[in-house]
């Protein structure tokens, strides 16, 4: 298998693991709302995350947890040499309106690895809506992340920021 194929497979496994973890926990976390006000939940939440969460077994959740713990151990090793990663928080500018917060696809890895993230406004996209940059730090390095964020924010400048 080529390096590209290996990386693609690794990413699909991470994505699937996060989908299992989020759906299993999401279903259980939304139980009070499901019981009292299911009709008020968005169809996207009900039909995607909660529907999958209803079907998942405890064994599938536990397997995903074990895989995530292995990934966290690996992340502890490879992240030891930096204070923060500068990355994108989303695949584009903010969506219009208040109905949707946008795609979280770029954050699922950091969520799974328990690595703190912070997004700073960094300008506007083609439709004039905000875009940002995201900083990610090592697990348990929240204070250092805030220090780095203050430094980055001071260098972003005021000209293009929303």
Protein backbone atom coordinates (compact mmCIF):
# COMPACT_ATOMS: atom_id res chain seq x y z
CA UNK A 1 0.00 0.00 0.00
CA UNK A 2 1.36 3.42 -0.90
CA UNK A 3 1.90 6.22 1.62
CA UNK A 4 -1.09 8.11 0.18
CA UNK A 5 -3.32 5.03 0.50
CA UNK A 6 -2.11 4.46 4.06
CA UNK A 7 -2.81 8.07 5.03
CA UNK A 8 -6.24 7.96 3.41
CA UNK A 9 -7.09 4.76 5.28
CA UNK A 10 -5.80 6.20 8.55
CA UNK A 11 -7.97 9.32 8.07
CA UNK A 12 -11.06 7.24 7.30
CA UNK A 13 -10.49 5.19 10.47
CA UNK A 14 -10.10 8.37 12.55
CA UNK A 15 -13.25 9.82 11.01
CA UNK A 16 -15.24 6.63 11.62
CA UNK A 17 -13.99 6.39 15.19
CA UNK A 18 -15.02 9.98 15.88
CA UNK A 19 -18.41 9.33 14.28
CA UNK A 20 -18.95 6.34 16.59
CA UNK A 21 -17.80 8.22 19.71
CA UNK A 22 -19.83 11.33 18.94
CA UNK A 23 -22.98 9.47 17.96
CA UNK A 24 -22.93 7.06 20.92
CA UNK A 25 -22.36 9.87 23.41
CA UNK A 26 -24.60 12.35 21.58
CA UNK A 27 -27.60 10.03 21.70
CA UNK A 28 -27.18 9.53 25.43
CA UNK A 29 -26.49 13.22 26.13
CA UNK A 30 -29.65 14.25 24.27
CA UNK A 31 -31.94 11.78 26.06
CA UNK A 32 -33.71 14.44 28.18
CA UNK A 33 -34.49 16.49 25.06
CA UNK A 34 -35.52 13.39 23.13
CA UNK A 35 -37.86 12.36 25.92
CA UNK A 36 -39.44 15.78 26.47
CA UNK A 37 -39.12 17.69 23.18
CA UNK A 38 -37.97 15.43 20.35
CA UNK A 39 -39.93 17.40 17.74
CA UNK A 40 -37.96 20.54 18.61
CA UNK A 41 -34.58 18.96 17.79
CA UNK A 42 -33.27 19.62 14.30
CA UNK A 43 -33.94 16.92 11.75
CA UNK A 44 -30.21 16.81 11.04
CA UNK A 45 -29.44 16.00 14.68
CA UNK A 46 -32.27 13.45 14.94
CA UNK A 47 -31.71 11.79 11.56
CA UNK A 48 -27.93 11.65 11.60
CA UNK A 49 -26.19 11.61 14.96
CA UNK A 50 -29.02 10.39 17.18
CA UNK A 51 -30.22 7.74 14.71
CA UNK A 52 -26.73 6.24 14.53
CA UNK A 53 -26.31 6.51 18.29
CA UNK A 54 -29.47 4.46 18.85
CA UNK A 55 -27.99 1.61 16.78
CA UNK A 56 -24.48 1.50 18.22
CA UNK A 57 -23.56 -1.17 20.71
CA UNK A 58 -21.55 -0.73 23.87
CA UNK A 59 -18.90 -3.02 22.34
CA UNK A 60 -18.56 -0.71 19.29
CA UNK A 61 -18.23 2.30 21.60
CA UNK A 62 -15.60 0.56 23.73
CA UNK A 63 -13.60 -0.42 20.64
CA UNK A 64 -13.67 3.20 19.46
CA UNK A 65 -12.52 4.33 22.92
CA UNK A 66 -9.58 1.92 22.83
CA UNK A 67 -8.57 3.17 19.39
CA UNK A 68 -8.84 6.78 20.52
CA UNK A 69 -6.62 6.09 23.55
CA UNK A 70 -3.94 4.64 21.26
CA UNK A 71 -4.18 7.72 19.03
CA UNK A 72 -3.88 10.00 22.09
CA UNK A 73 -0.72 8.19 23.19
CA UNK A 74 0.77 8.65 19.71
CA UNK A 75 -0.25 12.34 19.69
CA UNK A 76 1.48 12.86 23.02
CA UNK A 77 4.72 11.70 21.39
CA UNK A 78 4.50 13.62 18.10
CA UNK A 79 3.22 16.83 19.67
CA UNK A 80 6.02 17.12 22.21
CA UNK A 81 8.10 19.36 19.95
CA UNK A 82 5.75 22.30 19.43
CA UNK A 83 3.71 24.87 21.30
CA UNK A 84 0.83 25.02 18.81
CA UNK A 85 -0.24 24.08 15.30
CA UNK A 86 -1.69 26.80 13.08
CA UNK A 87 -4.45 25.34 10.93
CA UNK A 88 -7.83 26.09 9.42
CA UNK A 89 -10.91 25.82 11.66
CA UNK A 90 -13.30 25.12 8.76
CA UNK A 91 -13.26 24.49 5.02
CA UNK A 92 -14.43 27.99 4.18
CA UNK A 93 -15.96 31.16 5.48
CA UNK A 94 -18.74 31.18 8.04
CA UNK A 95 -22.14 30.19 6.66
CA UNK A 96 -24.76 32.92 6.30
CA UNK A 97 -27.43 33.22 8.97
CA UNK A 98 -27.71 31.62 12.37
CA UNK A 99 -29.19 28.22 11.43
CA UNK A 100 -25.83 26.51 10.94
CA UNK A 101 -22.43 27.02 12.55
CA UNK A 102 -20.62 25.43 9.64
CA UNK A 103 -18.62 22.26 9.17
CA UNK A 104 -16.67 20.86 12.11
CA UNK A 105 -14.80 18.39 9.90
CA UNK A 106 -11.42 19.98 10.65
CA UNK A 107 -11.99 19.69 14.40
CA UNK A 108 -12.92 16.03 14.79
CA UNK A 109 -9.29 14.91 14.99
CA UNK A 110 -8.44 17.41 17.74
CA UNK A 111 -11.61 16.50 19.64
CA UNK A 112 -10.72 12.82 19.51
CA UNK A 113 -7.15 13.53 20.66
CA UNK A 114 -8.33 15.82 23.51
CA UNK A 115 -6.11 18.57 22.13
CA UNK A 116 -7.37 22.09 22.93
CA UNK A 117 -8.26 24.38 20.01
CA UNK A 118 -8.80 28.09 19.73
CA UNK A 119 -10.05 30.00 16.69
CA UNK A 120 -9.17 33.61 15.98
CA UNK A 121 -10.89 35.87 13.44
CA UNK A 122 -8.51 36.50 10.56
CA UNK A 123 -10.45 38.26 7.83
CA UNK A 124 -13.44 37.86 5.55
CA UNK A 125 -14.19 35.41 2.76
CA UNK A 126 -15.52 36.08 -0.75
CA UNK A 127 -19.07 36.77 0.51
CA UNK A 128 -17.82 39.08 3.25
CA UNK A 129 -18.37 36.50 6.00
CA UNK A 130 -15.75 35.80 8.67
CA UNK A 131 -12.86 33.39 8.24
CA UNK A 132 -10.46 32.37 10.94
CA UNK A 133 -7.29 30.58 11.86
CA UNK A 134 -7.16 27.85 14.44
CA UNK A 135 -4.46 27.07 16.95
CA UNK A 136 -4.16 23.58 18.41
CA UNK A 137 -1.96 22.71 21.40
CA UNK A 138 -0.84 19.56 23.12
CA UNK A 139 -3.24 17.86 25.50
CA UNK A 140 -3.31 19.66 28.88
CA UNK A 141 -1.47 22.68 27.41
CA UNK A 142 -4.46 25.04 27.51
CA UNK A 143 -2.57 27.84 29.25
CA UNK A 144 0.24 27.71 26.70
CA UNK A 145 -2.35 27.74 23.90
CA UNK A 146 -3.81 30.97 25.29
CA UNK A 147 -0.34 32.54 25.45
CA UNK A 148 0.39 31.57 21.83
CA UNK A 149 -3.06 32.85 20.78
CA UNK A 150 -2.35 36.26 22.32
CA UNK A 151 0.92 36.40 20.41
CA UNK A 152 -0.72 35.37 17.10
CA UNK A 153 -3.62 37.77 17.62
CA UNK A 154 -1.23 40.68 18.14
CA UNK A 155 0.38 39.88 14.77
CA UNK A 156 -2.77 39.39 12.70
CA UNK A 157 -3.19 43.13 12.37
CA UNK A 158 -6.40 45.08 12.36
CA UNK A 159 -6.75 45.76 8.63
CA UNK A 160 -8.48 42.56 7.48
CA UNK A 161 -10.08 41.34 10.69
CA UNK A 162 -13.87 41.38 11.10
